[in-house]
Amino acid sequence: MKPYSKYFEKIRIRPDRQAEAKANAPVCQWDGCNEPGTHRAPVGRMREGEYFKFCFDHVREYNKNFNYFSGLPDSDIARFQKEALTGHRPTWKMGANAATAFSPNFSEKRSGAAGYYNRMRDPFGMFHDEATANQPRERKLKSLEAKAMETLGLDAKATSAEIKARYKELVKLHHPDANGGDRGSEDRLRDVLQAYRVLKQAGLC
């Protein structure tokens, strides 16, 4: 084989992706460290989607001591864990639906003992008074959902369309790209985004 064979010219060396990542990575955000920050670490609760950039050793140290619930009382942690079982979506107990309630006038329309009426199930509300059946159910919000509504300046009766319209209005008002580069309301924008995320996860918008 010739020392300068044409086959050697076709050989391609695979680029070192890890070396390229280190070359383009920012400096590690750990105090006093100058290594490339190639690994992400979450900033913390209420700042989801934001990350620190650490080197491998310091991201491992950070994750070892990271506590998402830091600063929260035990009651809030227990409530969060309970709501996590259902994906933070609203749930109801069996029989708590207002449509399963009985009309007081139903016993008057039937012959027989009142005890039979008390055992009678009416899951579709067929024997309700018309006025009672047409009344909308009042929505009960959980603490996180109520706080999110308060952040958006809405009450519990707000519809899905009203929540979306208010969200778009506040984003346009507080986003730096829409208010001439004013970064003074970034905290308010972050609260609005988090509130809308909570309401969306709860199926309210």
N, C-alpha and C. Protein backbone atom coordinates (compact mmCIF):
# COMPACT_ATOMS: atom_id res chain seq x y z
N MET A 1 0.85 -1.19 0.00
CA MET A 1 0.00 0.00 0.00
C MET A 1 0.89 1.24 0.00
N LYS A 2 0.52 2.20 -0.79
CA LYS A 2 1.30 3.43 -0.88
C LYS A 2 1.20 4.22 0.42
N PRO A 3 2.28 4.95 0.74
CA PRO A 3 2.24 5.72 2.01
C PRO A 3 1.18 6.80 1.99
N TYR A 4 0.80 7.30 0.83
CA TYR A 4 -0.22 8.34 0.72
C TYR A 4 -1.39 7.81 -0.11
N SER A 5 -1.99 6.78 0.37
CA SER A 5 -3.09 6.16 -0.34
C SER A 5 -4.33 7.05 -0.30
N LYS A 6 -5.14 6.93 -1.35
CA LYS A 6 -6.37 7.72 -1.44
C LYS A 6 -7.37 7.30 -0.36
N TYR A 7 -7.21 6.06 0.15
CA TYR A 7 -8.14 5.60 1.18
C TYR A 7 -7.94 6.33 2.51
N PHE A 8 -6.70 6.76 2.78
CA PHE A 8 -6.46 7.52 4.00
C PHE A 8 -7.14 8.89 3.95
N GLU A 9 -7.30 9.42 2.77
CA GLU A 9 -7.92 10.74 2.65
C GLU A 9 -9.42 10.69 2.97
N LYS A 10 -10.03 9.52 2.87
CA LYS A 10 -11.46 9.39 3.13
C LYS A 10 -11.77 9.12 4.60
N ILE A 11 -10.73 8.92 5.40
CA ILE A 11 -10.96 8.65 6.82
C ILE A 11 -11.36 9.95 7.52
N ARG A 12 -12.43 9.89 8.25
CA ARG A 12 -12.91 11.04 9.00
C ARG A 12 -12.86 10.72 10.50
N ILE A 13 -12.34 11.63 11.27
CA ILE A 13 -12.26 11.45 12.71
C ILE A 13 -13.50 12.07 13.35
N ARG A 14 -14.16 11.28 14.17
CA ARG A 14 -15.37 11.78 14.84
C ARG A 14 -15.01 12.93 15.78
N PRO A 15 -15.73 14.04 15.68
CA PRO A 15 -15.40 15.18 16.56
C PRO A 15 -15.70 14.85 18.02
N ASP A 16 -14.92 15.41 18.90
CA ASP A 16 -15.08 15.21 20.34
C ASP A 16 -16.17 16.15 20.85
N ARG A 17 -17.40 15.62 20.98
CA ARG A 17 -18.53 16.45 21.41
C ARG A 17 -18.33 17.01 22.81
N GLN A 18 -17.73 16.20 23.66
CA GLN A 18 -17.53 16.65 25.04
C GLN A 18 -16.56 17.82 25.10
N ALA A 19 -15.52 17.75 24.29
CA ALA A 19 -14.56 18.85 24.26
C ALA A 19 -15.20 20.12 23.70
N GLU A 20 -16.03 19.95 22.67
CA GLU A 20 -16.72 21.12 22.11
C GLU A 20 -17.66 21.75 23.13
N ALA A 21 -18.37 20.90 23.90
CA ALA A 21 -19.29 21.42 24.92
C ALA A 21 -18.54 22.20 25.99
N LYS A 22 -17.38 21.68 26.40
CA LYS A 22 -16.58 22.40 27.40
C LYS A 22 -16.06 23.72 26.86
N ALA A 23 -15.70 23.73 25.58
CA ALA A 23 -15.16 24.96 25.00
C ALA A 23 -16.22 26.04 24.90
N ASN A 24 -17.47 25.64 24.67
CA ASN A 24 -18.54 26.63 24.49
C ASN A 24 -19.33 26.90 25.77
N ALA A 25 -19.04 26.17 26.84
CA ALA A 25 -19.80 26.32 28.08
C ALA A 25 -19.36 27.56 28.85
N PRO A 26 -20.30 28.18 29.60
CA PRO A 26 -19.91 29.30 30.46
C PRO A 26 -19.11 28.82 31.66
N VAL A 27 -18.54 29.74 32.41
CA VAL A 27 -17.75 29.39 33.58
C VAL A 27 -18.67 28.89 34.68
N CYS A 28 -18.23 27.90 35.41
CA CYS A 28 -19.01 27.35 36.53
C CYS A 28 -19.39 28.45 37.50
N GLN A 29 -20.65 28.44 37.94
CA GLN A 29 -21.17 29.50 38.81
C GLN A 29 -20.86 29.26 40.29
N TRP A 30 -20.15 28.20 40.60
CA TRP A 30 -19.72 27.95 41.98
C TRP A 30 -18.63 28.95 42.34
N ASP A 31 -18.72 29.53 43.52
CA ASP A 31 -17.76 30.56 43.93
C ASP A 31 -16.33 30.02 43.88
N GLY A 32 -15.48 30.73 43.17
CA GLY A 32 -14.07 30.39 43.11
C GLY A 32 -13.72 29.31 42.11
N CYS A 33 -14.68 28.82 41.32
CA CYS A 33 -14.40 27.77 40.35
C CYS A 33 -14.32 28.36 38.95
N ASN A 34 -13.31 27.96 38.20
CA ASN A 34 -13.13 28.45 36.83
C ASN A 34 -13.30 27.35 35.78
N GLU A 35 -13.82 26.20 36.21
CA GLU A 35 -14.06 25.10 35.26
C GLU A 35 -15.28 25.41 34.39
N PRO A 36 -15.39 24.77 33.23
CA PRO A 36 -16.57 24.99 32.38
C PRO A 36 -17.85 24.49 33.06
N GLY A 37 -18.90 25.29 33.00
CA GLY A 37 -20.19 24.91 33.59
C GLY A 37 -21.01 24.12 32.59
N THR A 38 -20.76 22.83 32.50
CA THR A 38 -21.40 21.99 31.48
C THR A 38 -22.66 21.28 32.00
N HIS A 39 -23.01 21.43 33.28
CA HIS A 39 -24.14 20.71 33.85
C HIS A 39 -25.14 21.70 34.47
N ARG A 40 -26.42 21.42 34.26
CA ARG A 40 -27.47 22.28 34.78
C ARG A 40 -27.95 21.79 36.14
N ALA A 41 -28.34 22.75 37.00
CA ALA A 41 -28.92 22.44 38.30
C ALA A 41 -30.10 23.38 38.54
N PRO A 42 -31.24 22.88 39.01
CA PRO A 42 -32.42 23.74 39.20
C PRO A 42 -32.18 24.81 40.25
N VAL A 43 -32.72 26.02 39.99
CA VAL A 43 -32.55 27.13 40.92
C VAL A 43 -33.33 26.86 42.20
N GLY A 44 -34.58 26.41 42.08
CA GLY A 44 -35.36 26.13 43.29
C GLY A 44 -36.84 26.31 43.08
N ARG A 45 -37.58 26.18 44.17
CA ARG A 45 -39.05 26.27 44.15
C ARG A 45 -39.49 27.67 43.71
N MET A 46 -40.58 27.72 42.97
CA MET A 46 -41.17 28.94 42.41
C MET A 46 -40.29 29.58 41.34
N ARG A 47 -39.21 28.89 40.94
CA ARG A 47 -38.36 29.37 39.85
C ARG A 47 -38.09 28.22 38.89
N GLU A 48 -39.16 27.46 38.63
CA GLU A 48 -39.04 26.32 37.73
C GLU A 48 -38.65 26.80 36.33
N GLY A 49 -37.82 26.04 35.66
CA GLY A 49 -37.36 26.40 34.33
C GLY A 49 -36.08 27.22 34.34
N GLU A 50 -35.57 27.59 35.52
CA GLU A 50 -34.31 28.34 35.63
C GLU A 50 -33.24 27.41 36.22
N TYR A 51 -32.02 27.56 35.73
CA TYR A 51 -30.96 26.63 36.13
C TYR A 51 -29.65 27.37 36.37
N PHE A 52 -28.85 26.82 37.31
CA PHE A 52 -27.47 27.22 37.47
C PHE A 52 -26.61 26.39 36.52
N LYS A 53 -25.43 26.88 36.21
CA LYS A 53 -24.47 26.14 35.40
C LYS A 53 -23.25 25.81 36.25
N PHE A 54 -23.04 24.51 36.50
CA PHE A 54 -21.93 24.07 37.33
C PHE A 54 -21.07 23.07 36.56
N CYS A 55 -19.85 22.90 37.02
CA CYS A 55 -19.01 21.82 36.51
C CYS A 55 -19.49 20.51 37.13
N PHE A 56 -18.90 19.40 36.72
CA PHE A 56 -19.39 18.08 37.16
C PHE A 56 -19.28 17.92 38.67
N ASP A 57 -18.14 18.29 39.25
CA ASP A 57 -17.95 18.09 40.69
C ASP A 57 -18.91 18.94 41.51
N HIS A 58 -19.12 20.20 41.07
CA HIS A 58 -19.95 21.10 41.87
C HIS A 58 -21.44 20.86 41.65
N VAL A 59 -21.85 20.36 40.48
CA VAL A 59 -23.27 20.04 40.31
C VAL A 59 -23.64 18.84 41.17
N ARG A 60 -22.69 17.92 41.34
CA ARG A 60 -22.94 16.78 42.22
C ARG A 60 -23.04 17.23 43.67
N GLU A 61 -22.19 18.17 44.06
CA GLU A 61 -22.24 18.71 45.43
C GLU A 61 -23.53 19.48 45.65
N TYR A 62 -23.95 20.26 44.66
CA TYR A 62 -25.18 21.05 44.77
C TYR A 62 -26.41 20.14 44.88
N ASN A 63 -26.47 19.12 44.03
CA ASN A 63 -27.63 18.21 44.05
C ASN A 63 -27.70 17.40 45.34
N LYS A 64 -26.55 17.15 45.95
CA LYS A 64 -26.53 16.38 47.19
C LYS A 64 -27.23 17.14 48.31
N ASN A 65 -27.14 18.47 48.29
CA ASN A 65 -27.71 19.30 49.36
C ASN A 65 -28.98 20.03 48.93
N PHE A 66 -29.46 19.77 47.70
CA PHE A 66 -30.63 20.50 47.20
C PHE A 66 -31.91 19.99 47.87
N ASN A 67 -32.76 20.91 48.29
CA ASN A 67 -34.04 20.57 48.93
C ASN A 67 -35.12 21.46 48.31
N TYR A 68 -35.98 20.87 47.51
CA TYR A 68 -37.04 21.63 46.83
C TYR A 68 -37.99 22.29 47.83
N PHE A 69 -38.19 21.67 48.99
CA PHE A 69 -39.16 22.17 49.96
C PHE A 69 -38.51 23.00 51.06
N SER A 70 -37.31 23.47 50.84
CA SER A 70 -36.62 24.25 51.86
C SER A 70 -37.42 25.50 52.23
N GLY A 71 -37.62 25.69 53.53
CA GLY A 71 -38.35 26.87 54.01
C GLY A 71 -39.85 26.68 54.14
N LEU A 72 -40.39 25.57 53.67
CA LEU A 72 -41.83 25.32 53.76
C LEU A 72 -42.17 24.61 55.07
N PRO A 73 -43.31 24.95 55.69
CA PRO A 73 -43.72 24.21 56.89
C PRO A 73 -44.15 22.79 56.53
N ASP A 74 -44.16 21.92 57.53
CA ASP A 74 -44.50 20.50 57.29
C ASP A 74 -45.91 20.34 56.74
N SER A 75 -46.83 21.22 57.15
CA SER A 75 -48.22 21.10 56.66
C SER A 75 -48.30 21.33 55.16
N ASP A 76 -47.55 22.32 54.64
CA ASP A 76 -47.55 22.58 53.20
C ASP A 76 -46.90 21.44 52.43
N ILE A 77 -45.84 20.87 53.00
CA ILE A 77 -45.17 19.74 52.34
C ILE A 77 -46.11 18.54 52.27
N ALA A 78 -46.83 18.28 53.36
CA ALA A 78 -47.76 17.15 53.37
C ALA A 78 -48.89 17.38 52.36
N ARG A 79 -49.37 18.62 52.25
CA ARG A 79 -50.44 18.90 51.29
C ARG A 79 -49.93 18.74 49.86
N PHE A 80 -48.72 19.18 49.59
CA PHE A 80 -48.14 19.03 48.26
C PHE A 80 -48.01 17.56 47.90
N GLN A 81 -47.54 16.73 48.84
CA GLN A 81 -47.39 15.30 48.57
C GLN A 81 -48.74 14.64 48.32
N LYS A 82 -49.76 15.07 49.06
CA LYS A 82 -51.10 14.49 48.87
C LYS A 82 -51.66 14.87 47.51
N GLU A 83 -51.48 16.14 47.10
CA GLU A 83 -51.99 16.59 45.81
C GLU A 83 -51.20 15.98 44.66
N ALA A 84 -49.94 15.63 44.92
CA ALA A 84 -49.12 15.02 43.87
C ALA A 84 -49.64 13.65 43.46
N LEU A 85 -50.39 12.99 44.35
CA LEU A 85 -50.93 11.67 44.02
C LEU A 85 -51.92 11.74 42.85
N THR A 86 -52.57 12.88 42.69
CA THR A 86 -53.53 13.06 41.59
C THR A 86 -53.02 14.04 40.55
N GLY A 87 -51.71 14.29 40.53
CA GLY A 87 -51.15 15.21 39.55
C GLY A 87 -51.57 16.64 39.77
N HIS A 88 -51.87 17.01 41.03
CA HIS A 88 -52.30 18.37 41.39
C HIS A 88 -53.56 18.78 40.64
N ARG A 89 -54.41 17.82 40.34
CA ARG A 89 -55.69 18.11 39.70
C ARG A 89 -56.81 17.99 40.74
N PRO A 90 -57.89 18.76 40.57
CA PRO A 90 -58.97 18.72 41.56
C PRO A 90 -59.67 17.36 41.57
N THR A 91 -60.04 16.90 42.75
CA THR A 91 -60.76 15.64 42.91
C THR A 91 -61.96 15.86 43.83
N TRP A 92 -62.89 14.94 43.79
CA TRP A 92 -64.08 15.03 44.62
C TRP A 92 -64.32 13.67 45.29
N LYS A 93 -64.90 13.70 46.48
CA LYS A 93 -65.26 12.47 47.16
C LYS A 93 -66.51 11.88 46.50
N MET A 94 -66.68 10.59 46.66
CA MET A 94 -67.85 9.93 46.12
C MET A 94 -69.11 10.50 46.77
N GLY A 95 -70.07 10.89 45.94
CA GLY A 95 -71.33 11.41 46.45
C GLY A 95 -71.30 12.88 46.80
N ALA A 96 -70.14 13.55 46.60
CA ALA A 96 -70.06 14.97 46.93
C ALA A 96 -70.55 15.85 45.82
N ASN A 97 -70.82 15.27 44.66
CA ASN A 97 -71.31 16.05 43.52
C ASN A 97 -72.69 16.60 43.82
N ALA A 98 -72.90 17.87 43.55
CA ALA A 98 -74.18 18.51 43.85
C ALA A 98 -75.31 17.88 43.05
N ALA A 99 -74.99 17.26 41.89
CA ALA A 99 -76.04 16.67 41.05
C ALA A 99 -76.66 15.45 41.68
N THR A 100 -76.03 14.87 42.72
CA THR A 100 -76.58 13.68 43.36
C THR A 100 -77.49 14.02 44.53
N ALA A 101 -77.65 15.30 44.82
CA ALA A 101 -78.53 15.68 45.93
C ALA A 101 -79.98 15.43 45.56
N PHE A 102 -80.80 15.18 46.56
CA PHE A 102 -82.20 14.88 46.32
C PHE A 102 -83.04 16.13 46.53
N SER A 103 -84.11 16.24 45.77
CA SER A 103 -85.04 17.34 45.94
C SER A 103 -85.97 17.04 47.10
N PRO A 104 -86.23 18.01 47.98
CA PRO A 104 -87.14 17.76 49.09
C PRO A 104 -88.55 17.43 48.62
N ASN A 105 -88.94 17.91 47.44
CA ASN A 105 -90.29 17.68 46.95
C ASN A 105 -90.47 16.28 46.36
N PHE A 106 -89.38 15.55 46.20
CA PHE A 106 -89.49 14.23 45.58
C PHE A 106 -90.30 13.27 46.45
N SER A 107 -90.15 13.38 47.77
CA SER A 107 -90.88 12.49 48.66
C SER A 107 -92.38 12.76 48.59
N GLU A 108 -92.74 13.98 48.26
CA GLU A 108 -94.16 14.32 48.17
C GLU A 108 -94.78 13.77 46.89
N LYS A 109 -93.98 13.48 45.89
CA LYS A 109 -94.50 13.01 44.61
C LYS A 109 -94.60 11.49 44.57
N ARG A 110 -94.14 10.82 45.65
CA ARG A 110 -94.19 9.36 45.67
C ARG A 110 -95.00 8.90 46.88
N SER A 111 -95.61 7.76 46.75
CA SER A 111 -96.28 7.16 47.89
C SER A 111 -95.31 6.23 48.58
N GLY A 112 -95.49 6.03 49.86
CA GLY A 112 -94.60 5.14 50.60
C GLY A 112 -93.86 5.89 51.67
N ALA A 113 -93.04 5.15 52.39
CA ALA A 113 -92.33 5.73 53.52
C ALA A 113 -91.23 6.67 53.04
N ALA A 114 -90.94 7.65 53.92
CA ALA A 114 -89.87 8.59 53.60
C ALA A 114 -88.52 7.91 53.58
N GLY A 115 -88.38 6.77 54.28
CA GLY A 115 -87.10 6.07 54.30
C GLY A 115 -86.70 5.57 52.94
N TYR A 116 -87.67 5.22 52.12
CA TYR A 116 -87.35 4.78 50.75
C TYR A 116 -86.74 5.94 49.96
N TYR A 117 -87.31 7.13 50.15
CA TYR A 117 -86.76 8.30 49.47
C TYR A 117 -85.32 8.55 49.90
N ASN A 118 -85.03 8.38 51.18
CA ASN A 118 -83.68 8.63 51.67
C ASN A 118 -82.66 7.67 51.08
N ARG A 119 -83.10 6.45 50.71
CA ARG A 119 -82.19 5.47 50.12
C ARG A 119 -82.12 5.57 48.61
N MET A 120 -83.02 6.36 48.01
CA MET A 120 -83.10 6.47 46.56
C MET A 120 -81.94 7.28 46.00
N ARG A 121 -81.28 6.75 45.00
CA ARG A 121 -80.18 7.47 44.34
C ARG A 121 -80.69 8.16 43.09
N ASP A 122 -80.20 9.36 42.84
CA ASP A 122 -80.60 10.14 41.66
C ASP A 122 -79.34 10.74 41.04
N PRO A 123 -78.42 9.93 40.47
CA PRO A 123 -77.11 10.43 40.01
C PRO A 123 -77.20 11.43 38.87
N PHE A 124 -78.28 11.40 38.08
CA PHE A 124 -78.38 12.31 36.94
C PHE A 124 -79.28 13.51 37.22
N GLY A 125 -79.75 13.64 38.46
CA GLY A 125 -80.54 14.81 38.82
C GLY A 125 -81.87 14.88 38.09
N MET A 126 -82.49 13.73 37.78
CA MET A 126 -83.74 13.73 37.02
C MET A 126 -84.93 14.22 37.85
N PHE A 127 -84.83 14.12 39.20
CA PHE A 127 -85.96 14.48 40.05
C PHE A 127 -85.71 15.77 40.82
N HIS A 128 -84.75 16.57 40.37
CA HIS A 128 -84.52 17.87 40.99
C HIS A 128 -85.64 18.82 40.63
N ASP A 129 -85.80 19.84 41.47
CA ASP A 129 -86.60 20.97 41.04
C ASP A 129 -85.87 21.65 39.89
N GLU A 130 -86.60 22.19 38.95
CA GLU A 130 -85.98 22.80 37.77
C GLU A 130 -85.10 23.96 38.16
N ALA A 131 -85.56 24.75 39.15
CA ALA A 131 -84.76 25.90 39.56
C ALA A 131 -83.45 25.46 40.20
N THR A 132 -83.51 24.38 40.99
CA THR A 132 -82.29 23.89 41.64
C THR A 132 -81.34 23.27 40.64
N ALA A 133 -81.87 22.55 39.66
CA ALA A 133 -81.03 21.87 38.68
C ALA A 133 -80.28 22.84 37.79
N ASN A 134 -80.86 24.01 37.54
CA ASN A 134 -80.23 24.98 36.64
C ASN A 134 -79.23 25.88 37.33
N GLN A 135 -79.12 25.77 38.65
CA GLN A 135 -78.17 26.62 39.37
C GLN A 135 -76.76 26.11 39.14
N PRO A 136 -75.82 26.98 38.74
CA PRO A 136 -74.44 26.53 38.54
C PRO A 136 -73.77 26.22 39.87
N ARG A 137 -72.93 25.21 39.86
CA ARG A 137 -72.20 24.84 41.07
C ARG A 137 -71.09 25.85 41.35
N GLU A 138 -70.95 26.21 42.60
CA GLU A 138 -69.89 27.14 42.98
C GLU A 138 -68.57 26.37 43.07
N ARG A 139 -67.57 26.90 42.39
CA ARG A 139 -66.29 26.21 42.33
C ARG A 139 -65.49 26.52 43.60
N LYS A 140 -64.95 25.45 44.21
CA LYS A 140 -64.12 25.60 45.39
C LYS A 140 -62.67 25.39 44.99
N LEU A 141 -61.84 26.40 45.25
CA LEU A 141 -60.45 26.35 44.85
C LEU A 141 -59.58 25.88 46.00
N LYS A 142 -58.52 25.16 45.66
CA LYS A 142 -57.51 24.81 46.65
C LYS A 142 -56.65 26.04 46.93
N SER A 143 -55.82 25.94 47.95
CA SER A 143 -55.06 27.12 48.39
C SER A 143 -54.14 27.63 47.29
N LEU A 144 -53.43 26.71 46.59
CA LEU A 144 -52.54 27.14 45.52
C LEU A 144 -53.32 27.77 44.37
N GLU A 145 -54.48 27.19 44.05
CA GLU A 145 -55.29 27.73 42.96
C GLU A 145 -55.86 29.10 43.33
N ALA A 146 -56.31 29.25 44.59
CA ALA A 146 -56.83 30.54 45.03
C ALA A 146 -55.75 31.61 45.01
N LYS A 147 -54.53 31.24 45.41
CA LYS A 147 -53.42 32.20 45.38
C LYS A 147 -53.08 32.58 43.93
N ALA A 148 -53.16 31.60 43.02
CA ALA A 148 -52.88 31.89 41.61
C ALA A 148 -53.94 32.84 41.05
N MET A 149 -55.20 32.62 41.40
CA MET A 149 -56.26 33.53 40.96
C MET A 149 -56.03 34.94 41.49
N GLU A 150 -55.60 35.02 42.75
CA GLU A 150 -55.33 36.33 43.36
C GLU A 150 -54.17 37.02 42.65
N THR A 151 -53.16 36.25 42.25
CA THR A 151 -52.02 36.82 41.53
C THR A 151 -52.46 37.44 40.20
N LEU A 152 -53.41 36.79 39.53
CA LEU A 152 -53.92 37.30 38.26
C LEU A 152 -54.99 38.36 38.45
N GLY A 153 -55.39 38.61 39.70
CA GLY A 153 -56.41 39.62 39.95
C GLY A 153 -57.81 39.14 39.61
N LEU A 154 -58.07 37.83 39.77
CA LEU A 154 -59.38 37.25 39.43
C LEU A 154 -59.97 36.57 40.66
N ASP A 155 -61.28 36.29 40.60
CA ASP A 155 -61.91 35.57 41.69
C ASP A 155 -62.23 34.15 41.24
N ALA A 156 -62.83 33.37 42.13
CA ALA A 156 -63.07 31.96 41.85
C ALA A 156 -64.09 31.74 40.74
N LYS A 157 -64.88 32.74 40.42
CA LYS A 157 -65.92 32.60 39.40
C LYS A 157 -65.40 32.88 37.99
N ALA A 158 -64.12 33.20 37.86
CA ALA A 158 -63.56 33.53 36.55
C ALA A 158 -63.61 32.32 35.62
N THR A 159 -64.00 32.56 34.39
CA THR A 159 -64.06 31.48 33.40
C THR A 159 -62.70 31.23 32.78
N SER A 160 -62.61 30.14 32.02
CA SER A 160 -61.35 29.81 31.34
C SER A 160 -60.93 30.92 30.38
N ALA A 161 -61.90 31.48 29.66
CA ALA A 161 -61.59 32.56 28.71
C ALA A 161 -61.09 33.80 29.44
N GLU A 162 -61.68 34.10 30.60
CA GLU A 162 -61.26 35.27 31.36
C GLU A 162 -59.85 35.08 31.92
N ILE A 163 -59.53 33.86 32.35
CA ILE A 163 -58.18 33.59 32.87
C ILE A 163 -57.14 33.77 31.77
N LYS A 164 -57.42 33.23 30.57
CA LYS A 164 -56.47 33.35 29.46
C LYS A 164 -56.30 34.79 29.02
N ALA A 165 -57.41 35.54 28.98
CA ALA A 165 -57.34 36.94 28.55
C ALA A 165 -56.54 37.75 29.55
N ARG A 166 -56.76 37.51 30.86
CA ARG A 166 -56.03 38.24 31.88
C ARG A 166 -54.55 37.89 31.85
N TYR A 167 -54.24 36.62 31.62
CA TYR A 167 -52.85 36.16 31.53
C TYR A 167 -52.12 36.87 30.38
N LYS A 168 -52.74 36.92 29.20
CA LYS A 168 -52.12 37.58 28.06
C LYS A 168 -51.92 39.06 28.33
N GLU A 169 -52.89 39.66 29.00
CA GLU A 169 -52.79 41.10 29.32
C GLU A 169 -51.62 41.39 30.25
N LEU A 170 -51.45 40.55 31.28
CA LEU A 170 -50.37 40.78 32.25
C LEU A 170 -49.01 40.48 31.64
N VAL A 171 -48.92 39.46 30.80
CA VAL A 171 -47.64 39.15 30.14
C VAL A 171 -47.22 40.31 29.24
N LYS A 172 -48.17 40.84 28.49
CA LYS A 172 -47.87 41.96 27.61
C LYS A 172 -47.46 43.19 28.42
N LEU A 173 -48.04 43.34 29.60
CA LEU A 173 -47.76 44.51 30.44
C LEU A 173 -46.38 44.44 31.08
N HIS A 174 -45.98 43.23 31.52
CA HIS A 174 -44.76 43.10 32.32
C HIS A 174 -43.58 42.50 31.57
N HIS A 175 -43.76 42.01 30.35
CA HIS A 175 -42.63 41.40 29.63
C HIS A 175 -41.67 42.50 29.16
N PRO A 176 -40.35 42.30 29.36
CA PRO A 176 -39.38 43.34 28.96
C PRO A 176 -39.43 43.67 27.46
N ASP A 177 -39.76 42.69 26.62
CA ASP A 177 -39.81 42.95 25.18
C ASP A 177 -41.01 43.80 24.78
N ALA A 178 -42.02 43.84 25.66
CA ALA A 178 -43.24 44.57 25.32
C ALA A 178 -43.37 45.90 26.04
N ASN A 179 -42.57 46.12 27.09
CA ASN A 179 -42.70 47.37 27.84
C ASN A 179 -41.46 48.25 27.70
N GLY A 180 -40.80 48.14 26.57
CA GLY A 180 -39.66 49.01 26.31
C GLY A 180 -38.39 48.63 27.04
N GLY A 181 -38.26 47.39 27.43
CA GLY A 181 -37.03 46.93 28.08
C GLY A 181 -36.98 47.18 29.57
N ASP A 182 -38.11 47.54 30.19
CA ASP A 182 -38.15 47.76 31.63
C ASP A 182 -38.05 46.42 32.34
N ARG A 183 -36.97 46.19 33.06
CA ARG A 183 -36.75 44.93 33.75
C ARG A 183 -37.20 44.99 35.21
N GLY A 184 -37.84 46.09 35.58
CA GLY A 184 -38.26 46.26 36.97
C GLY A 184 -39.41 45.35 37.37
N SER A 185 -40.15 44.85 36.41
CA SER A 185 -41.32 44.03 36.74
C SER A 185 -41.10 42.56 36.39
N GLU A 186 -39.84 42.13 36.34
CA GLU A 186 -39.57 40.72 36.02
C GLU A 186 -40.09 39.78 37.10
N ASP A 187 -40.01 40.20 38.38
CA ASP A 187 -40.54 39.35 39.45
C ASP A 187 -42.04 39.18 39.31
N ARG A 188 -42.71 40.27 38.96
CA ARG A 188 -44.16 40.19 38.76
C ARG A 188 -44.50 39.29 37.58
N LEU A 189 -43.71 39.36 36.50
CA LEU A 189 -43.93 38.49 35.35
C LEU A 189 -43.72 37.02 35.73
N ARG A 190 -42.72 36.74 36.54
CA ARG A 190 -42.45 35.37 36.97
C ARG A 190 -43.63 34.82 37.80
N ASP A 191 -44.19 35.68 38.66
CA ASP A 191 -45.35 35.25 39.46
C ASP A 191 -46.55 34.96 38.58
N VAL A 192 -46.74 35.78 37.54
CA VAL A 192 -47.87 35.57 36.63
C VAL A 192 -47.72 34.26 35.87
N LEU A 193 -46.51 33.97 35.40
CA LEU A 193 -46.27 32.72 34.68
C LEU A 193 -46.51 31.50 35.57
N GLN A 194 -46.04 31.58 36.83
CA GLN A 194 -46.23 30.47 37.75
C GLN A 194 -47.71 30.28 38.08
N ALA A 195 -48.44 31.38 38.26
CA ALA A 195 -49.86 31.30 38.58
C ALA A 195 -50.63 30.66 37.44
N TYR A 196 -50.32 31.04 36.22
CA TYR A 196 -51.02 30.47 35.07
C TYR A 196 -50.70 28.98 34.93
N ARG A 197 -49.45 28.59 35.26
CA ARG A 197 -49.08 27.19 35.18
C ARG A 197 -49.89 26.35 36.18
N VAL A 198 -50.09 26.90 37.39
CA VAL A 198 -50.87 26.20 38.41
C VAL A 198 -52.32 26.01 37.96
N LEU A 199 -52.91 27.08 37.41
CA LEU A 199 -54.31 27.00 36.98
C LEU A 199 -54.47 26.05 35.77
N LYS A 200 -53.46 26.04 34.92
CA LYS A 200 -53.53 25.14 33.76
C LYS A 200 -53.42 23.69 34.19
N GLN A 201 -52.55 23.40 35.16
CA GLN A 201 -52.42 22.04 35.66
C GLN A 201 -53.69 21.59 36.38
N ALA A 202 -54.42 22.55 36.95
CA ALA A 202 -55.67 22.22 37.65
C ALA A 202 -56.84 22.08 36.69
N GLY A 203 -56.61 22.34 35.40
CA GLY A 203 -57.68 22.21 34.40
C GLY A 203 -58.65 23.36 34.41
N LEU A 204 -58.23 24.52 34.92
CA LEU A 204 -59.14 25.67 34.98
C LEU A 204 -59.01 26.58 33.77
N CYS A 205 -58.03 26.32 32.92
CA CYS A 205 -57.89 27.16 31.73
C CYS A 205 -57.27 26.31 30.60
